PDB file of N, CA and C in Angstrom:
ATOM      1  N   UNK A   1     -10.546   8.380  12.040  1.00  0.00           N
ATOM      2  CA  UNK A   1      -9.545   7.697  11.227  1.00  0.00           C
ATOM      3  C   UNK A   1      -8.183   8.311  11.536  1.00  0.00           C
ATOM      4  N   UNK A   2      -7.182   7.486  11.619  1.00  0.00           N
ATOM      5  CA  UNK A   2      -5.821   7.944  11.872  1.00  0.00           C
ATOM      6  C   UNK A   2      -5.157   8.338  10.562  1.00  0.00           C
ATOM      7  N   UNK A   3      -4.001   8.991  10.683  1.00  0.00           N
ATOM      8  CA  UNK A   3      -3.236   9.343   9.481  1.00  0.00           C
ATOM      9  C   UNK A   3      -2.862   8.077   8.715  1.00  0.00           C
ATOM     10  N   UNK A   4      -2.466   7.027   9.429  1.00  0.00           N
ATOM     11  CA  UNK A   4      -2.111   5.767   8.770  1.00  0.00           C
ATOM     12  C   UNK A   4      -3.306   5.193   8.013  1.00  0.00           C
ATOM     13  N   UNK A   5      -4.486   5.338   8.615  1.00  0.00           N
ATOM     14  CA  UNK A   5      -5.701   4.868   7.957  1.00  0.00           C
ATOM     15  C   UNK A   5      -5.979   5.638   6.677  1.00  0.00           C
ATOM     16  N   UNK A   6      -5.717   6.949   6.700  1.00  0.00           N
ATOM     17  CA  UNK A   6      -5.954   7.738   5.493  1.00  0.00           C
ATOM     18  C   UNK A   6      -4.939   7.397   4.412  1.00  0.00           C
ATOM     19  N   UNK A   7      -3.720   7.026   4.800  1.00  0.00           N
ATOM     20  CA  UNK A   7      -2.708   6.609   3.817  1.00  0.00           C
ATOM     21  C   UNK A   7      -3.152   5.318   3.135  1.00  0.00           C
ATOM     22  N   UNK A   8      -3.631   4.347   3.907  1.00  0.00           N
ATOM     23  CA  UNK A   8      -4.105   3.083   3.336  1.00  0.00           C
ATOM     24  C   UNK A   8      -5.301   3.323   2.430  1.00  0.00           C
ATOM     25  N   UNK A   9      -6.216   4.169   2.889  1.00  0.00           N
ATOM     26  CA  UNK A   9      -7.405   4.474   2.098  1.00  0.00           C
ATOM     27  C   UNK A   9      -7.007   5.165   0.798  1.00  0.00           C
ATOM     28  N   UNK A  10      -6.020   6.052   0.858  1.00  0.00           N
ATOM     29  CA  UNK A  10      -5.550   6.750  -0.347  1.00  0.00           C
ATOM     30  C   UNK A  10      -5.024   5.753  -1.374  1.00  0.00           C
ATOM     31  N   UNK A  11      -4.293   4.767  -0.910  1.00  0.00           N
ATOM     32  CA  UNK A  11      -3.759   3.748  -1.838  1.00  0.00           C
ATOM     33  C   UNK A  11      -4.882   3.017  -2.558  1.00  0.00           C
ATOM     34  N   UNK A  12      -5.913   2.673  -1.811  1.00  0.00           N
ATOM     35  CA  UNK A  12      -7.059   1.969  -2.396  1.00  0.00           C
ATOM     36  C   UNK A  12      -7.776   2.873  -3.397  1.00  0.00           C
ATOM     37  N   UNK A  13      -7.989   4.136  -3.020  1.00  0.00           N
ATOM     38  CA  UNK A  13      -8.712   5.063  -3.884  1.00  0.00           C
ATOM     39  C   UNK A  13      -7.950   5.371  -5.173  1.00  0.00           C
ATOM     40  N   UNK A  14      -6.621   5.335  -5.135  1.00  0.00           N
ATOM     41  CA  UNK A  14      -5.834   5.589  -6.346  1.00  0.00           C
ATOM     42  C   UNK A  14      -6.141   4.570  -7.428  1.00  0.00           C
ATOM     43  N   UNK A  15      -6.486   3.360  -7.004  1.00  0.00           N
ATOM     44  CA  UNK A  15      -6.786   2.288  -7.966  1.00  0.00           C
ATOM     45  C   UNK A  15      -8.229   2.339  -8.448  1.00  0.00           C
ATOM     46  N   UNK A  16      -9.044   3.167  -7.802  1.00  0.00           N
ATOM     47  CA  UNK A  16     -10.479   3.166  -8.108  1.00  0.00           C
ATOM     48  C   UNK A  16     -10.999   4.580  -8.351  1.00  0.00           C
ATOM     49  N   UNK A  17     -10.329   5.340  -9.203  1.00  0.00           N
ATOM     50  CA  UNK A  17     -10.808   6.684  -9.516  1.00  0.00           C
ATOM     51  C   UNK A  17     -12.186   6.601 -10.170  1.00  0.00           C
ATOM     52  N   UNK A  18     -13.040   7.553  -9.835  1.00  0.00           N
ATOM     53  CA  UNK A  18     -14.336   7.631 -10.510  1.00  0.00           C
ATOM     54  C   UNK A  18     -14.089   8.106 -11.942  1.00  0.00           C
ATOM     55  N   UNK A  19     -15.027   7.869 -12.856  1.00  0.00           N
ATOM     56  CA  UNK A  19     -14.821   8.346 -14.233  1.00  0.00           C
ATOM     57  C   UNK A  19     -14.515   9.844 -14.324  1.00  0.00           C
ATOM     58  N   UNK A  20     -15.229  10.730 -13.586  1.00  0.00           N
ATOM     59  CA  UNK A  20     -14.873  12.150 -13.667  1.00  0.00           C
ATOM     60  C   UNK A  20     -13.456  12.426 -13.140  1.00  0.00           C
ATOM     61  N   UNK A  21     -13.054  11.742 -12.065  1.00  0.00           N
ATOM     62  CA  UNK A  21     -11.695  11.914 -11.541  1.00  0.00           C
ATOM     63  C   UNK A  21     -10.662  11.438 -12.559  1.00  0.00           C
ATOM     64  N   UNK A  22     -10.936  10.313 -13.201  1.00  0.00           N
ATOM     65  CA  UNK A  22     -10.005   9.768 -14.192  1.00  0.00           C
ATOM     66  C   UNK A  22      -9.838  10.731 -15.364  1.00  0.00           C
ATOM     67  N   UNK A  23     -10.940  11.359 -15.820  1.00  0.00           N
ATOM     68  CA  UNK A  23     -10.848  12.320 -16.931  1.00  0.00           C
ATOM     69  C   UNK A  23     -10.015  13.536 -16.530  1.00  0.00           C
ATOM     70  N   UNK A  24     -10.218  14.023 -15.319  1.00  0.00           N
ATOM     71  CA  UNK A  24      -9.438  15.176 -14.843  1.00  0.00           C
ATOM     72  C   UNK A  24      -7.973  14.790 -14.670  1.00  0.00           C
ATOM     73  N   UNK A  25      -7.703  13.600 -14.160  1.00  0.00           N
ATOM     74  CA  UNK A  25      -6.334  13.137 -13.930  1.00  0.00           C
ATOM     75  C   UNK A  25      -5.526  13.087 -15.225  1.00  0.00           C
ATOM     76  N   UNK A  26      -6.174  12.746 -16.335  1.00  0.00           N
ATOM     77  CA  UNK A  26      -5.489  12.717 -17.634  1.00  0.00           C
ATOM     78  C   UNK A  26      -4.808  14.057 -17.896  1.00  0.00           C
ATOM     79  N   UNK A  27      -5.476  15.143 -17.535  1.00  0.00           N
ATOM     80  CA  UNK A  27      -4.924  16.480 -17.771  1.00  0.00           C
ATOM     81  C   UNK A  27      -3.944  16.906 -16.674  1.00  0.00           C
ATOM     82  N   UNK A  28      -4.309  16.631 -15.423  1.00  0.00           N
ATOM     83  CA  UNK A  28      -3.453  17.076 -14.317  1.00  0.00           C
ATOM     84  C   UNK A  28      -2.108  16.360 -14.310  1.00  0.00           C
ATOM     85  N   UNK A  29      -2.079  15.104 -14.666  1.00  0.00           N
ATOM     86  CA  UNK A  29      -0.816  14.367 -14.607  1.00  0.00           C
ATOM     87  C   UNK A  29       0.158  14.827 -15.684  1.00  0.00           C
ATOM     88  N   UNK A  30      -0.350  15.497 -16.700  1.00  0.00           N
ATOM     89  CA  UNK A  30       0.512  16.035 -17.765  1.00  0.00           C
ATOM     90  C   UNK A  30       0.886  17.483 -17.501  1.00  0.00           C
ATOM     91  N   UNK A  31       0.645  17.928 -16.277  1.00  0.00           N
ATOM     92  CA  UNK A  31       0.958  19.299 -15.867  1.00  0.00           C
ATOM     93  C   UNK A  31       0.261  20.333 -16.736  1.00  0.00           C
ATOM     94  N   UNK A  32      -0.978  20.020 -17.122  1.00  0.00           N
ATOM     95  CA  UNK A  32      -1.742  20.896 -18.006  1.00  0.00           C
ATOM     96  C   UNK A  32      -2.320  22.116 -17.285  1.00  0.00           C
ATOM     97  N   UNK A  33      -2.231  22.154 -15.978  1.00  0.00           N
ATOM     98  CA  UNK A  33      -2.744  23.291 -15.216  1.00  0.00           C
ATOM     99  C   UNK A  33      -1.565  24.158 -14.785  1.00  0.00           C
ATOM    100  N   UNK A  34      -1.134  25.017 -15.665  1.00  0.00           N
ATOM    101  CA  UNK A  34      -0.048  25.944 -15.348  1.00  0.00           C
ATOM    102  C   UNK A  34       1.279  25.270 -15.062  1.00  0.00           C
ATOM    103  N   UNK A  35       1.469  24.055 -15.534  1.00  0.00           N
ATOM    104  CA  UNK A  35       2.723  23.344 -15.303  1.00  0.00           C
ATOM    105  C   UNK A  35       2.876  22.779 -13.896  1.00  0.00           C
ATOM    106  N   UNK A  36       1.811  22.843 -13.106  1.00  0.00           N
ATOM    107  CA  UNK A  36       1.878  22.364 -11.720  1.00  0.00           C
ATOM    108  C   UNK A  36       1.807  20.841 -11.664  1.00  0.00           C
ATOM    109  N   UNK A  37       2.515  20.275 -10.697  1.00  0.00           N
ATOM    110  CA  UNK A  37       2.520  18.827 -10.496  1.00  0.00           C
ATOM    111  C   UNK A  37       1.492  18.466  -9.423  1.00  0.00           C
ATOM    112  N   UNK A  38       0.570  17.590  -9.795  1.00  0.00           N
ATOM    113  CA  UNK A  38      -0.461  17.141  -8.864  1.00  0.00           C
ATOM    114  C   UNK A  38      -0.253  15.678  -8.504  1.00  0.00           C
ATOM    115  N   UNK A  39      -0.686  15.333  -7.294  1.00  0.00           N
ATOM    116  CA  UNK A  39      -0.753  13.945  -6.838  1.00  0.00           C
ATOM    117  C   UNK A  39      -2.227  13.598  -6.749  1.00  0.00           C
ATOM    118  N   UNK A  40      -2.563  12.353  -6.992  1.00  0.00           N
ATOM    119  CA  UNK A  40      -3.962  11.946  -6.851  1.00  0.00           C
ATOM    120  C   UNK A  40      -4.149  11.198  -5.550  1.00  0.00           C
ATOM    121  N   UNK A  41      -5.331  11.352  -4.987  1.00  0.00           N
ATOM    122  CA  UNK A  41      -5.705  10.683  -3.740  1.00  0.00           C
ATOM    123  C   UNK A  41      -4.600  10.831  -2.695  1.00  0.00           C
ATOM    124  N   UNK A  42      -4.334  12.069  -2.342  1.00  0.00           N
ATOM    125  CA  UNK A  42      -3.236  12.410  -1.429  1.00  0.00           C
ATOM    126  C   UNK A  42      -3.755  12.560   0.006  1.00  0.00           C
ATOM    127  N   UNK A  43      -3.158  11.837   0.975  1.00  0.00           N
ATOM    128  CA  UNK A  43      -3.600  11.971   2.369  1.00  0.00           C
ATOM    129  C   UNK A  43      -3.182  13.320   2.956  1.00  0.00           C
ATOM    130  N   UNK A  44      -4.110  13.934   3.698  1.00  0.00           N
ATOM    131  CA  UNK A  44      -3.844  15.182   4.426  1.00  0.00           C
ATOM    132  C   UNK A  44      -4.542  15.048   5.766  1.00  0.00           C
ATOM    133  N   UNK A  45      -3.776  14.792   6.804  1.00  0.00           N
ATOM    134  CA  UNK A  45      -4.384  14.523   8.107  1.00  0.00           C
ATOM    135  C   UNK A  45      -5.228  13.269   8.003  1.00  0.00           C
ATOM    136  N   UNK A  46      -6.477  13.372   8.434  1.00  0.00           N
ATOM    137  CA  UNK A  46      -7.380  12.220   8.358  1.00  0.00           C
ATOM    138  C   UNK A  46      -8.162  12.193   7.052  1.00  0.00           C
ATOM    139  N   UNK A  47      -7.922  13.164   6.192  1.00  0.00           N
ATOM    140  CA  UNK A  47      -8.647  13.267   4.926  1.00  0.00           C
ATOM    141  C   UNK A  47      -7.810  12.748   3.765  1.00  0.00           C
ATOM    142  N   UNK A  48      -8.495  12.433   2.667  1.00  0.00           N
ATOM    143  CA  UNK A  48      -7.824  12.061   1.423  1.00  0.00           C
ATOM    144  C   UNK A  48      -8.309  13.046   0.362  1.00  0.00           C
ATOM    145  N   UNK A  49      -7.375  13.794  -0.220  1.00  0.00           N
ATOM    146  CA  UNK A  49      -7.704  14.797  -1.225  1.00  0.00           C
ATOM    147  C   UNK A  49      -7.735  14.148  -2.595  1.00  0.00           C
ATOM    148  N   UNK A  50      -8.711  14.516  -3.419  1.00  0.00           N
ATOM    149  CA  UNK A  50      -8.785  13.937  -4.763  1.00  0.00           C
ATOM    150  C   UNK A  50      -7.485  14.212  -5.518  1.00  0.00           C
ATOM    151  N   UNK A  51      -7.089  15.487  -5.573  1.00  0.00           N
ATOM    152  CA  UNK A  51      -5.842  15.879  -6.239  1.00  0.00           C
ATOM    153  C   UNK A  51      -5.190  16.965  -5.402  1.00  0.00           C
ATOM    154  N   UNK A  52      -3.861  16.925  -5.309  1.00  0.00           N
ATOM    155  CA  UNK A  52      -3.153  17.890  -4.470  1.00  0.00           C
ATOM    156  C   UNK A  52      -1.855  18.330  -5.142  1.00  0.00           C
ATOM    157  N   UNK A  53      -1.620  19.643  -5.123  1.00  0.00           N
ATOM    158  CA  UNK A  53      -0.369  20.219  -5.611  1.00  0.00           C
ATOM    159  C   UNK A  53       0.352  20.832  -4.421  1.00  0.00           C
ATOM    160  N   UNK A  54       1.482  20.229  -4.030  1.00  0.00           N
ATOM    161  CA  UNK A  54       2.239  20.711  -2.875  1.00  0.00           C
ATOM    162  C   UNK A  54       2.833  22.091  -3.142  1.00  0.00           C
ATOM    163  N   UNK A  55       3.320  22.321  -4.350  1.00  0.00           N
ATOM    164  CA  UNK A  55       3.944  23.597  -4.709  1.00  0.00           C
ATOM    165  C   UNK A  55       2.986  24.769  -4.506  1.00  0.00           C
ATOM    166  N   UNK A  56       1.732  24.577  -4.909  1.00  0.00           N
ATOM    167  CA  UNK A  56       0.727  25.638  -4.799  1.00  0.00           C
ATOM    168  C   UNK A  56      -0.121  25.516  -3.532  1.00  0.00           C
ATOM    169  N   UNK A  57       0.079  24.426  -2.768  1.00  0.00           N
ATOM    170  CA  UNK A  57      -0.748  24.136  -1.590  1.00  0.00           C
ATOM    171  C   UNK A  57      -2.232  24.237  -1.987  1.00  0.00           C
ATOM    172  N   UNK A  58      -2.565  23.463  -3.027  1.00  0.00           N
ATOM    173  CA  UNK A  58      -3.889  23.515  -3.631  1.00  0.00           C
ATOM    174  C   UNK A  58      -4.472  22.118  -3.763  1.00  0.00           C
ATOM    175  N   UNK A  59      -5.708  21.971  -3.297  1.00  0.00           N
ATOM    176  CA  UNK A  59      -6.449  20.715  -3.470  1.00  0.00           C
ATOM    177  C   UNK A  59      -7.550  20.952  -4.490  1.00  0.00           C
ATOM    178  N   UNK A  60      -7.740  19.989  -5.375  1.00  0.00           N
ATOM    179  CA  UNK A  60      -8.856  20.019  -6.321  1.00  0.00           C
ATOM    180  C   UNK A  60      -9.750  18.841  -5.966  1.00  0.00           C
ATOM    181  N   UNK A  61     -10.983  19.141  -5.623  1.00  0.00           N
ATOM    182  CA  UNK A  61     -11.939  18.127  -5.204  1.00  0.00           C
ATOM    183  C   UNK A  61     -13.038  17.987  -6.242  1.00  0.00           C
ATOM    184  N   UNK A  62     -13.312  16.761  -6.647  1.00  0.00           N
ATOM    185  CA  UNK A  62     -14.375  16.473  -7.606  1.00  0.00           C
ATOM    186  C   UNK A  62     -15.609  16.051  -6.812  1.00  0.00           C
ATOM    187  N   UNK A  63     -16.655  16.876  -6.874  1.00  0.00           N
ATOM    188  CA  UNK A  63     -17.878  16.601  -6.118  1.00  0.00           C
ATOM    189  C   UNK A  63     -18.897  15.893  -6.986  1.00  0.00           C
ATOM    190  N   UNK A  64     -19.121  14.637  -6.678  1.00  0.00           N
ATOM    191  CA  UNK A  64     -20.109  13.838  -7.389  1.00  0.00           C
ATOM    192  C   UNK A  64     -21.199  13.380  -6.448  1.00  0.00           C
ATOM    193  N   UNK A  65     -21.809  12.262  -6.787  1.00  0.00           N
ATOM    194  CA  UNK A  65     -22.918  11.720  -5.995  1.00  0.00           C
ATOM    195  C   UNK A  65     -22.526  11.439  -4.547  1.00  0.00           C
ATOM    196  N   UNK A  66     -21.287  11.046  -4.314  1.00  0.00           N
ATOM    197  CA  UNK A  66     -20.867  10.712  -2.944  1.00  0.00           C
ATOM    198  C   UNK A  66     -20.863  11.937  -2.026  1.00  0.00           C
ATOM    199  N   UNK A  67     -20.942  13.143  -2.596  1.00  0.00           N
ATOM    200  CA  UNK A  67     -20.931  14.358  -1.782  1.00  0.00           C
ATOM    201  C   UNK A  67     -22.337  14.883  -1.481  1.00  0.00           C
ATOM    202  N   UNK A  68     -23.354  14.260  -2.067  1.00  0.00           N
ATOM    203  CA  UNK A  68     -24.726  14.694  -1.808  1.00  0.00           C
ATOM    204  C   UNK A  68     -25.051  14.526  -0.333  1.00  0.00           C
ATOM    205  N   UNK A  69     -25.605  15.581   0.249  1.00  0.00           N
ATOM    206  CA  UNK A  69     -25.992  15.544   1.653  1.00  0.00           C
ATOM    207  C   UNK A  69     -24.819  15.646   2.613  1.00  0.00           C
ATOM    208  N   UNK A  70     -23.629  15.926   2.101  1.00  0.00           N
ATOM    209  CA  UNK A  70     -22.446  16.002   2.957  1.00  0.00           C
ATOM    210  C   UNK A  70     -21.873  17.418   2.998  1.00  0.00           C
ATOM    211  N   UNK A  71     -22.731  18.406   2.769  1.00  0.00           N
ATOM    212  CA  UNK A  71     -22.280  19.791   2.704  1.00  0.00           C
ATOM    213  C   UNK A  71     -21.538  20.236   3.948  1.00  0.00           C
ATOM    214  N   UNK A  72     -22.066  19.913   5.123  1.00  0.00           N
ATOM    215  CA  UNK A  72     -21.407  20.340   6.367  1.00  0.00           C
ATOM    216  C   UNK A  72     -20.067  19.630   6.537  1.00  0.00           C
ATOM    217  N   UNK A  73     -20.017  18.347   6.216  1.00  0.00           N
ATOM    218  CA  UNK A  73     -18.756  17.611   6.309  1.00  0.00           C
ATOM    219  C   UNK A  73     -17.715  18.225   5.371  1.00  0.00           C
ATOM    220  N   UNK A  74     -18.125  18.506   4.129  1.00  0.00           N
ATOM    221  CA  UNK A  74     -17.202  19.110   3.162  1.00  0.00           C
ATOM    222  C   UNK A  74     -16.740  20.485   3.627  1.00  0.00           C
ATOM    223  N   UNK A  75     -17.653  21.261   4.214  1.00  0.00           N
ATOM    224  CA  UNK A  75     -17.299  22.595   4.706  1.00  0.00           C
ATOM    225  C   UNK A  75     -16.301  22.492   5.869  1.00  0.00           C
ATOM    226  N   UNK A  76     -16.539  21.549   6.776  1.00  0.00           N
ATOM    227  CA  UNK A  76     -15.625  21.345   7.911  1.00  0.00           C
ATOM    228  C   UNK A  76     -14.244  20.933   7.402  1.00  0.00           C
ATOM    229  N   UNK A  77     -14.228  20.058   6.425  1.00  0.00           N
ATOM    230  CA  UNK A  77     -12.976  19.596   5.818  1.00  0.00           C
ATOM    231  C   UNK A  77     -12.229  20.752   5.158  1.00  0.00           C
ATOM    232  N   UNK A  78     -12.955  21.586   4.412  1.00  0.00           N
ATOM    233  CA  UNK A  78     -12.348  22.742   3.746  1.00  0.00           C
ATOM    234  C   UNK A  78     -11.780  23.710   4.781  1.00  0.00           C
ATOM    235  N   UNK A  79     -12.509  23.927   5.879  1.00  0.00           N
ATOM    236  CA  UNK A  79     -12.007  24.817   6.946  1.00  0.00           C
ATOM    237  C   UNK A  79     -10.724  24.253   7.552  1.00  0.00           C
ATOM    238  N   UNK A  80     -10.697  22.936   7.805  1.00  0.00           N
ATOM    239  CA  UNK A  80      -9.495  22.332   8.381  1.00  0.00           C
ATOM    240  C   UNK A  80      -8.320  22.471   7.414  1.00  0.00           C
ATOM    241  N   UNK A  81      -8.549  22.207   6.140  1.00  0.00           N
ATOM    242  CA  UNK A  81      -7.484  22.335   5.145  1.00  0.00           C
ATOM    243  C   UNK A  81      -6.962  23.768   5.106  1.00  0.00           C
ATOM    244  N   UNK A  82      -7.855  24.752   5.242  1.00  0.00           N
ATOM    245  CA  UNK A  82      -7.433  26.159   5.263  1.00  0.00           C
ATOM    246  C   UNK A  82      -6.496  26.431   6.437  1.00  0.00           C
ATOM    247  N   UNK A  83      -6.742  25.780   7.581  1.00  0.00           N
ATOM    248  CA  UNK A  83      -5.839  25.970   8.730  1.00  0.00           C
ATOM    249  C   UNK A  83      -4.457  25.393   8.457  1.00  0.00           C
ATOM    250  N   UNK A  84      -4.379  24.494   7.479  1.00  0.00           N
ATOM    251  CA  UNK A  84      -3.100  23.883   7.088  1.00  0.00           C
ATOM    252  C   UNK A  84      -2.462  24.664   5.933  1.00  0.00           C
ATOM    253  N   UNK A  85      -3.121  25.740   5.501  1.00  0.00           N
ATOM    254  CA  UNK A  85      -2.616  26.542   4.407  1.00  0.00           C
ATOM    255  C   UNK A  85      -2.954  26.000   3.025  1.00  0.00           C
ATOM    256  N   UNK A  86      -3.910  25.073   2.971  1.00  0.00           N
ATOM    257  CA  UNK A  86      -4.287  24.432   1.698  1.00  0.00           C
ATOM    258  C   UNK A  86      -5.588  25.046   1.194  1.00  0.00           C
ATOM    259  N   UNK A  87      -5.536  25.621  -0.014  1.00  0.00           N
ATOM    260  CA  UNK A  87      -6.730  26.146  -0.665  1.00  0.00           C
ATOM    261  C   UNK A  87      -7.436  24.986  -1.372  1.00  0.00           C
ATOM    262  N   UNK A  88      -8.746  25.098  -1.508  1.00  0.00           N
ATOM    263  CA  UNK A  88      -9.534  24.030  -2.128  1.00  0.00           C
ATOM    264  C   UNK A  88     -10.349  24.601  -3.287  1.00  0.00           C
ATOM    265  N   UNK A  89     -10.264  23.930  -4.430  1.00  0.00           N
ATOM    266  CA  UNK A  89     -11.133  24.210  -5.561  1.00  0.00           C
ATOM    267  C   UNK A  89     -12.044  23.002  -5.705  1.00  0.00           C
ATOM    268  N   UNK A  90     -13.354  23.256  -5.719  1.00  0.00           N
ATOM    269  CA  UNK A  90     -14.325  22.175  -5.871  1.00  0.00           C
ATOM    270  C   UNK A  90     -14.911  22.259  -7.278  1.00  0.00           C
ATOM    271  N   UNK A  91     -14.943  21.124  -7.968  1.00  0.00           N
ATOM    272  CA  UNK A  91     -15.535  21.074  -9.302  1.00  0.00           C
ATOM    273  C   UNK A  91     -16.607  19.994  -9.313  1.00  0.00           C
ATOM    274  N   UNK A  92     -17.641  20.238 -10.071  1.00  0.00           N
ATOM    275  CA  UNK A  92     -18.729  19.271 -10.175  1.00  0.00           C
ATOM    276  C   UNK A  92     -18.285  18.092 -11.041  1.00  0.00           C
ATOM    277  N   UNK A  93     -18.708  16.921 -10.676  1.00  0.00           N
ATOM    278  CA  UNK A  93     -18.394  15.723 -11.447  1.00  0.00           C
ATOM    279  C   UNK A  93     -19.062  15.764 -12.818  1.00  0.00           C
ATOM    280  N   UNK A  94     -20.081  16.584 -12.972  1.00  0.00           N
ATOM    281  CA  UNK A  94     -20.762  16.703 -14.256  1.00  0.00           C
ATOM    282  C   UNK A  94     -19.903  17.483 -15.200  1.00  0.00           C
TER     283      UNK A  94
END
């Protein structure tokens, strides 16, 4: 996928947050996490991050059913993000 493809995909995903993502977004959009400003479904290279704070260079990923069996893919993605200086926090959708 190209960067342009990830931008288009991010736009689509912003309109279709999963219920756990929507619950977390209620808090993140109000700067409830240390006053930090987060973006939802933010493109980073060929990936789309669930939530991203540019100031802290921090991604918050909600791992639900769609992540089952994708451990290696998620690990590769996390390693790539680390090369970009982006830390990742993974939270369970439960």
